[in-house]
C-alpha cells in the first residue's frame, strides 16, 4: 500500500500513470515480485532486450528456490501461475509492451514515480519507501 499522500496524484493521473502506481504498490508489497523485477526485468532493460521469456522466469524461480525454503516449497503449478501473474502485471503497466516507445514512456513514469517517492538512485529499492517515517 502506498502512502495516502499519493492518492491525489493517483486520482488526477492518466490511466497509464495509474497503472504504474499500481505496479509500484505491488512491488512495495510483494518482495518476491520486487526481486523478479529488480533481478530479471531490470537486467533486460539494461541490456536492451525486448523479450521476457518463460525460461527467464523459470531460472529466476529456480534461483529463489535455492535461496529460500518457502519458495522451494512452492509447487510447479504455483510457480507457473506466479510467473504468468508477474508477466500480466508488467504487461498491463506497459513494461512488457512490444512497442518500444510505449515501454520507454512507461519506464520514464516508473523512474519518475520512484524519484517522487524518495528513491533518489536506480539501485535504491522501492521497499525503502515503507521504511521512511
N, C-alpha and C. Protein backbone atom coordinates (compact mmCIF):
# COMPACT_ATOMS: atom_id res chain seq x y z
N UNK A 1 0.83 -1.17 0.00
CA UNK A 1 0.00 0.00 0.00
C UNK A 1 0.89 1.24 0.00
N UNK A 2 0.56 2.16 -0.85
CA UNK A 2 1.31 3.40 -0.91
C UNK A 2 0.79 4.39 0.12
N UNK A 3 1.63 5.34 0.44
CA UNK A 3 1.27 6.38 1.38
C UNK A 3 0.05 7.16 0.87
N UNK A 4 -0.86 7.52 1.77
CA UNK A 4 -2.05 8.27 1.34
C UNK A 4 -1.75 9.58 0.62
N UNK A 5 -0.55 10.11 0.78
CA UNK A 5 -0.20 11.34 0.07
C UNK A 5 -0.16 11.12 -1.44
N UNK A 6 -0.07 9.87 -1.88
CA UNK A 6 -0.08 9.56 -3.31
C UNK A 6 -1.50 9.59 -3.91
N UNK A 7 -2.52 9.49 -3.08
CA UNK A 7 -3.89 9.38 -3.59
C UNK A 7 -4.30 10.53 -4.51
N UNK A 8 -4.08 11.80 -4.12
CA UNK A 8 -4.48 12.89 -5.04
C UNK A 8 -3.75 12.82 -6.38
N UNK A 9 -2.48 12.47 -6.34
CA UNK A 9 -1.71 12.36 -7.59
C UNK A 9 -2.27 11.21 -8.43
N UNK A 10 -2.58 10.10 -7.77
CA UNK A 10 -3.14 8.94 -8.47
C UNK A 10 -4.46 9.31 -9.14
N UNK A 11 -5.35 9.95 -8.40
CA UNK A 11 -6.67 10.26 -8.91
C UNK A 11 -6.64 11.29 -10.04
N UNK A 12 -5.63 12.15 -10.06
CA UNK A 12 -5.55 13.16 -11.11
C UNK A 12 -4.68 12.72 -12.28
N UNK A 13 -4.15 11.49 -12.23
CA UNK A 13 -3.25 10.99 -13.28
C UNK A 13 -4.02 10.31 -14.39
N UNK A 14 -3.35 10.18 -15.54
CA UNK A 14 -3.94 9.42 -16.64
C UNK A 14 -3.86 7.93 -16.32
N UNK A 15 -4.54 7.12 -17.11
CA UNK A 15 -4.65 5.69 -16.83
C UNK A 15 -3.29 4.99 -16.86
N UNK A 16 -2.42 5.40 -17.77
CA UNK A 16 -1.09 4.78 -17.85
C UNK A 16 -0.30 5.02 -16.57
N UNK A 17 -0.38 6.23 -16.04
CA UNK A 17 0.33 6.54 -14.80
C UNK A 17 -0.31 5.81 -13.62
N UNK A 18 -1.64 5.69 -13.61
CA UNK A 18 -2.31 4.94 -12.56
C UNK A 18 -1.86 3.48 -12.57
N UNK A 19 -1.70 2.91 -13.77
CA UNK A 19 -1.22 1.52 -13.86
C UNK A 19 0.19 1.41 -13.29
N UNK A 20 1.01 2.43 -13.53
CA UNK A 20 2.37 2.42 -12.99
C UNK A 20 2.34 2.53 -11.47
N UNK A 21 1.44 3.36 -10.93
CA UNK A 21 1.27 3.44 -9.47
C UNK A 21 0.88 2.07 -8.91
N UNK A 22 -0.04 1.39 -9.58
CA UNK A 22 -0.46 0.06 -9.13
C UNK A 22 0.73 -0.90 -9.14
N UNK A 23 1.56 -0.81 -10.16
CA UNK A 23 2.75 -1.67 -10.22
C UNK A 23 3.70 -1.35 -9.07
N UNK A 24 3.93 -0.07 -8.81
CA UNK A 24 4.82 0.33 -7.71
C UNK A 24 4.26 -0.17 -6.38
N UNK A 25 2.96 -0.08 -6.19
CA UNK A 25 2.34 -0.58 -4.95
C UNK A 25 2.53 -2.08 -4.82
N UNK A 26 2.36 -2.81 -5.92
CA UNK A 26 2.57 -4.27 -5.90
C UNK A 26 4.02 -4.60 -5.56
N UNK A 27 4.95 -3.86 -6.14
CA UNK A 27 6.37 -4.09 -5.86
C UNK A 27 6.71 -3.78 -4.41
N UNK A 28 6.09 -2.75 -3.86
CA UNK A 28 6.34 -2.40 -2.47
C UNK A 28 5.76 -3.43 -1.51
N UNK A 29 4.72 -4.12 -1.94
CA UNK A 29 4.02 -5.09 -1.08
C UNK A 29 4.59 -6.50 -1.20
N UNK A 30 5.01 -6.89 -2.39
CA UNK A 30 5.42 -8.27 -2.67
C UNK A 30 6.92 -8.32 -2.95
N UNK A 31 7.69 -8.76 -1.97
CA UNK A 31 9.15 -8.75 -2.13
C UNK A 31 9.63 -9.73 -3.20
N UNK A 32 8.93 -10.84 -3.40
CA UNK A 32 9.34 -11.77 -4.45
C UNK A 32 9.14 -11.14 -5.83
N UNK A 33 8.04 -10.43 -6.01
CA UNK A 33 7.80 -9.72 -7.26
C UNK A 33 8.83 -8.61 -7.45
N UNK A 34 9.14 -7.89 -6.37
CA UNK A 34 10.18 -6.87 -6.44
C UNK A 34 11.50 -7.49 -6.90
N UNK A 35 11.88 -8.61 -6.27
CA UNK A 35 13.12 -9.28 -6.66
C UNK A 35 13.10 -9.67 -8.14
N UNK A 36 11.96 -10.15 -8.62
CA UNK A 36 11.83 -10.53 -10.02
C UNK A 36 12.08 -9.33 -10.93
N UNK A 37 11.44 -8.22 -10.62
CA UNK A 37 11.61 -7.02 -11.46
C UNK A 37 13.04 -6.51 -11.36
N UNK A 38 13.59 -6.49 -10.17
CA UNK A 38 14.94 -5.96 -9.98
C UNK A 38 15.99 -6.85 -10.63
N UNK A 39 15.85 -8.16 -10.47
CA UNK A 39 16.88 -9.08 -10.96
C UNK A 39 16.71 -9.46 -12.42
N UNK A 40 15.47 -9.55 -12.90
CA UNK A 40 15.25 -10.04 -14.27
C UNK A 40 14.89 -8.90 -15.22
N UNK A 41 13.83 -8.17 -14.91
CA UNK A 41 13.36 -7.12 -15.82
C UNK A 41 14.37 -5.99 -15.92
N UNK A 42 14.92 -5.57 -14.80
CA UNK A 42 15.93 -4.50 -14.80
C UNK A 42 17.12 -4.90 -15.66
N UNK A 43 17.57 -6.13 -15.50
CA UNK A 43 18.71 -6.62 -16.29
C UNK A 43 18.38 -6.59 -17.79
N UNK A 44 17.17 -7.00 -18.13
CA UNK A 44 16.74 -6.98 -19.54
C UNK A 44 16.76 -5.55 -20.07
N UNK A 45 16.28 -4.59 -19.25
CA UNK A 45 16.27 -3.20 -19.68
C UNK A 45 17.68 -2.67 -19.89
N UNK A 46 18.57 -3.01 -18.97
CA UNK A 46 19.96 -2.56 -19.09
C UNK A 46 20.59 -3.10 -20.37
N UNK A 47 20.30 -4.37 -20.69
CA UNK A 47 20.87 -5.00 -21.88
C UNK A 47 20.13 -4.60 -23.16
N UNK A 48 18.98 -3.96 -23.02
CA UNK A 48 18.21 -3.56 -24.19
C UNK A 48 17.46 -4.70 -24.84
N UNK A 49 17.21 -5.77 -24.07
CA UNK A 49 16.50 -6.93 -24.59
C UNK A 49 15.00 -6.67 -24.45
N UNK A 50 14.26 -6.91 -25.53
CA UNK A 50 12.84 -6.59 -25.58
C UNK A 50 11.93 -7.69 -25.03
N UNK A 51 12.43 -8.89 -24.89
CA UNK A 51 11.56 -10.02 -24.60
C UNK A 51 11.83 -10.64 -23.23
N UNK A 52 10.76 -10.94 -22.52
CA UNK A 52 10.84 -11.68 -21.27
C UNK A 52 10.32 -13.08 -21.56
N UNK A 53 11.18 -14.06 -21.43
CA UNK A 53 10.81 -15.42 -21.82
C UNK A 53 10.40 -16.26 -20.61
N UNK A 54 9.73 -17.37 -20.90
CA UNK A 54 9.38 -18.32 -19.84
C UNK A 54 10.65 -18.88 -19.19
N UNK A 55 11.71 -19.02 -19.98
CA UNK A 55 12.98 -19.50 -19.44
C UNK A 55 13.54 -18.53 -18.41
N UNK A 56 13.39 -17.23 -18.66
CA UNK A 56 13.84 -16.22 -17.69
C UNK A 56 13.11 -16.41 -16.36
N UNK A 57 11.83 -16.65 -16.46
CA UNK A 57 11.00 -16.83 -15.26
C UNK A 57 11.41 -18.11 -14.53
N UNK A 58 11.59 -19.19 -15.28
CA UNK A 58 11.99 -20.47 -14.66
C UNK A 58 13.34 -20.34 -13.95
N UNK A 59 14.30 -19.69 -14.58
CA UNK A 59 15.63 -19.52 -13.98
C UNK A 59 15.52 -18.70 -12.69
N UNK A 60 14.73 -17.64 -12.72
CA UNK A 60 14.54 -16.82 -11.53
C UNK A 60 13.99 -17.66 -10.38
N UNK A 61 12.93 -18.40 -10.63
CA UNK A 61 12.33 -19.20 -9.56
C UNK A 61 13.25 -20.33 -9.11
N UNK A 62 14.01 -20.90 -10.01
CA UNK A 62 14.98 -21.94 -9.63
C UNK A 62 16.02 -21.36 -8.67
N UNK A 63 16.50 -20.15 -8.98
CA UNK A 63 17.46 -19.48 -8.09
C UNK A 63 16.83 -19.17 -6.73
N UNK A 64 15.59 -18.70 -6.73
CA UNK A 64 14.92 -18.37 -5.48
C UNK A 64 14.63 -19.62 -4.65
N UNK A 65 14.35 -20.74 -5.33
CA UNK A 65 14.13 -21.99 -4.60
C UNK A 65 15.40 -22.42 -3.87
N UNK A 66 16.55 -22.15 -4.48
CA UNK A 66 17.82 -22.49 -3.83
C UNK A 66 18.09 -21.56 -2.64
N UNK A 67 17.53 -20.35 -2.66
CA UNK A 67 17.80 -19.37 -1.62
C UNK A 67 16.77 -19.39 -0.48
N UNK A 68 15.58 -19.90 -0.76
CA UNK A 68 14.50 -19.79 0.23
C UNK A 68 13.74 -21.11 0.36
N UNK A 69 13.61 -21.58 1.59
CA UNK A 69 12.83 -22.80 1.84
C UNK A 69 11.36 -22.57 1.51
N UNK A 70 10.88 -21.37 1.77
CA UNK A 70 9.48 -21.05 1.49
C UNK A 70 9.19 -21.18 0.00
N UNK A 71 10.06 -20.60 -0.85
CA UNK A 71 9.87 -20.68 -2.29
C UNK A 71 10.12 -22.11 -2.77
N UNK A 72 11.04 -22.80 -2.14
CA UNK A 72 11.32 -24.18 -2.52
C UNK A 72 10.10 -25.08 -2.29
N UNK A 73 9.24 -24.70 -1.36
CA UNK A 73 8.04 -25.50 -1.07
C UNK A 73 6.92 -25.26 -2.08
N UNK A 74 7.05 -24.24 -2.92
CA UNK A 74 6.01 -23.97 -3.93
C UNK A 74 5.95 -25.10 -4.94
N UNK A 75 4.74 -25.46 -5.32
CA UNK A 75 4.54 -26.47 -6.37
C UNK A 75 4.82 -25.84 -7.74
N UNK A 76 5.10 -26.69 -8.73
CA UNK A 76 5.36 -26.19 -10.09
C UNK A 76 4.18 -25.36 -10.61
N UNK A 77 2.98 -25.79 -10.31
CA UNK A 77 1.80 -25.06 -10.75
C UNK A 77 1.77 -23.65 -10.17
N UNK A 78 2.13 -23.54 -8.88
CA UNK A 78 2.17 -22.23 -8.21
C UNK A 78 3.19 -21.32 -8.87
N UNK A 79 4.36 -21.86 -9.17
CA UNK A 79 5.40 -21.07 -9.82
C UNK A 79 4.96 -20.63 -11.22
N UNK A 80 4.28 -21.51 -11.94
CA UNK A 80 3.78 -21.17 -13.26
C UNK A 80 2.77 -20.03 -13.16
N UNK A 81 1.85 -20.13 -12.21
CA UNK A 81 0.82 -19.09 -12.03
C UNK A 81 1.44 -17.75 -11.59
N UNK A 82 2.42 -17.83 -10.70
CA UNK A 82 3.10 -16.60 -10.27
C UNK A 82 3.80 -15.94 -11.46
N UNK A 83 4.51 -16.73 -12.25
CA UNK A 83 5.19 -16.19 -13.42
C UNK A 83 4.22 -15.54 -14.40
N UNK A 84 3.08 -16.20 -14.61
CA UNK A 84 2.06 -15.64 -15.51
C UNK A 84 1.49 -14.35 -14.93
N UNK A 85 1.27 -14.32 -13.62
CA UNK A 85 0.73 -13.12 -12.98
C UNK A 85 1.73 -11.97 -13.07
N UNK A 86 3.01 -12.27 -12.87
CA UNK A 86 4.05 -11.24 -12.98
C UNK A 86 4.08 -10.66 -14.40
N UNK A 87 4.06 -11.54 -15.39
CA UNK A 87 4.07 -11.07 -16.77
C UNK A 87 2.84 -10.22 -17.08
N UNK A 88 1.68 -10.64 -16.59
CA UNK A 88 0.45 -9.89 -16.83
C UNK A 88 0.53 -8.51 -16.20
N UNK A 89 1.00 -8.43 -14.95
CA UNK A 89 1.10 -7.13 -14.28
C UNK A 89 2.06 -6.21 -15.02
N UNK A 90 3.18 -6.75 -15.45
CA UNK A 90 4.16 -5.94 -16.18
C UNK A 90 3.63 -5.51 -17.54
N UNK A 91 2.92 -6.40 -18.20
CA UNK A 91 2.33 -6.07 -19.50
C UNK A 91 1.27 -4.98 -19.34
N UNK A 92 0.38 -5.14 -18.34
CA UNK A 92 -0.68 -4.17 -18.11
C UNK A 92 -0.13 -2.80 -17.75
N UNK A 93 1.01 -2.77 -17.08
CA UNK A 93 1.63 -1.49 -16.71
C UNK A 93 2.43 -0.89 -17.87
N UNK A 94 2.53 -1.63 -18.97
CA UNK A 94 3.25 -1.13 -20.14
C UNK A 94 4.72 -1.45 -20.14
N UNK A 95 5.18 -2.24 -19.17
CA UNK A 95 6.61 -2.55 -19.09
C UNK A 95 7.04 -3.63 -20.07
N UNK A 96 6.11 -4.45 -20.56
CA UNK A 96 6.45 -5.53 -21.49
C UNK A 96 5.85 -5.30 -22.87
N UNK A 97 5.35 -4.11 -23.11
CA UNK A 97 4.76 -3.81 -24.41
C UNK A 97 5.82 -3.93 -25.49
N UNK A 98 5.48 -4.58 -26.59
CA UNK A 98 6.41 -4.71 -27.70
C UNK A 98 6.71 -3.40 -28.37
N UNK A 99 5.87 -2.41 -28.15
CA UNK A 99 6.07 -1.08 -28.71
C UNK A 99 7.14 -0.36 -27.89
N UNK A 100 8.29 -0.16 -28.50
CA UNK A 100 9.44 0.41 -27.79
C UNK A 100 9.12 1.80 -27.21
N UNK A 101 8.38 2.62 -27.94
CA UNK A 101 8.05 3.96 -27.47
C UNK A 101 7.16 3.90 -26.23
N UNK A 102 6.16 3.00 -26.25
CA UNK A 102 5.27 2.87 -25.09
C UNK A 102 6.05 2.39 -23.88
N UNK A 103 6.96 1.44 -24.09
CA UNK A 103 7.75 0.94 -22.98
C UNK A 103 8.67 2.02 -22.43
N UNK A 104 9.23 2.85 -23.31
CA UNK A 104 10.10 3.94 -22.87
C UNK A 104 9.32 4.93 -22.01
N UNK A 105 8.08 5.24 -22.42
CA UNK A 105 7.24 6.14 -21.62
C UNK A 105 6.93 5.52 -20.26
N UNK A 106 6.64 4.21 -20.26
CA UNK A 106 6.34 3.52 -19.00
C UNK A 106 7.55 3.52 -18.08
N UNK A 107 8.71 3.27 -18.64
CA UNK A 107 9.93 3.26 -17.83
C UNK A 107 10.21 4.64 -17.26
N UNK A 108 9.99 5.67 -18.08
CA UNK A 108 10.19 7.04 -17.59
C UNK A 108 9.23 7.34 -16.45
N UNK A 109 7.96 6.92 -16.56
CA UNK A 109 6.98 7.12 -15.49
C UNK A 109 7.42 6.36 -14.24
N UNK A 110 7.89 5.13 -14.43
CA UNK A 110 8.32 4.29 -13.32
C UNK A 110 9.42 4.98 -12.53
N UNK A 111 10.46 5.47 -13.21
CA UNK A 111 11.59 6.09 -12.51
C UNK A 111 11.18 7.44 -11.95
N UNK A 112 10.26 8.15 -12.61
CA UNK A 112 9.75 9.41 -12.06
C UNK A 112 9.00 9.14 -10.77
N UNK A 113 8.17 8.11 -10.74
CA UNK A 113 7.45 7.75 -9.52
C UNK A 113 8.41 7.38 -8.41
N UNK A 114 9.45 6.64 -8.75
CA UNK A 114 10.47 6.28 -7.75
C UNK A 114 11.09 7.55 -7.18
N UNK A 115 11.45 8.48 -8.07
CA UNK A 115 12.10 9.72 -7.64
C UNK A 115 11.18 10.50 -6.71
N UNK A 116 9.91 10.64 -7.09
CA UNK A 116 8.98 11.41 -6.27
C UNK A 116 8.70 10.71 -4.94
N UNK A 117 8.92 9.39 -4.89
CA UNK A 117 8.70 8.64 -3.66
C UNK A 117 9.91 8.70 -2.73
N UNK A 118 10.99 9.32 -3.20
CA UNK A 118 12.16 9.45 -2.35
C UNK A 118 13.29 8.51 -2.70
N UNK A 119 13.14 7.69 -3.74
CA UNK A 119 14.20 6.79 -4.18
C UNK A 119 15.08 7.58 -5.15
N UNK A 120 16.21 8.09 -4.69
CA UNK A 120 17.00 9.03 -5.47
C UNK A 120 18.03 8.36 -6.38
N UNK A 121 18.20 7.04 -6.30
CA UNK A 121 19.11 6.35 -7.20
C UNK A 121 18.42 5.13 -7.78
N UNK A 122 18.93 4.63 -8.90
CA UNK A 122 18.33 3.45 -9.52
C UNK A 122 18.46 2.21 -8.64
N UNK A 123 19.49 2.18 -7.80
CA UNK A 123 19.73 0.98 -7.02
C UNK A 123 19.02 0.98 -5.67
N UNK A 124 18.36 2.10 -5.31
CA UNK A 124 17.63 2.14 -4.05
C UNK A 124 16.33 1.36 -4.20
N UNK A 125 16.12 0.34 -3.39
CA UNK A 125 14.92 -0.49 -3.55
C UNK A 125 13.64 0.28 -3.26
N UNK A 126 12.59 -0.11 -3.98
CA UNK A 126 11.28 0.52 -3.79
C UNK A 126 10.77 0.31 -2.37
N UNK A 127 11.08 -0.85 -1.78
CA UNK A 127 10.53 -1.11 -0.46
C UNK A 127 11.07 -0.14 0.56
N UNK A 128 12.13 0.59 0.23
CA UNK A 128 12.66 1.57 1.19
C UNK A 128 11.65 2.68 1.43
N UNK A 129 10.69 2.86 0.51
CA UNK A 129 9.64 3.86 0.72
C UNK A 129 8.88 3.56 2.00
N UNK A 130 8.73 2.27 2.32
CA UNK A 130 7.97 1.89 3.51
C UNK A 130 8.76 2.14 4.78
N UNK A 131 10.09 2.23 4.65
CA UNK A 131 10.93 2.35 5.84
C UNK A 131 11.02 3.78 6.36
N UNK A 132 10.70 4.74 5.49
CA UNK A 132 10.78 6.13 5.92
C UNK A 132 9.52 6.49 6.70
N UNK A 133 9.69 7.32 7.72
CA UNK A 133 8.60 7.65 8.59
C UNK A 133 7.72 8.73 8.17
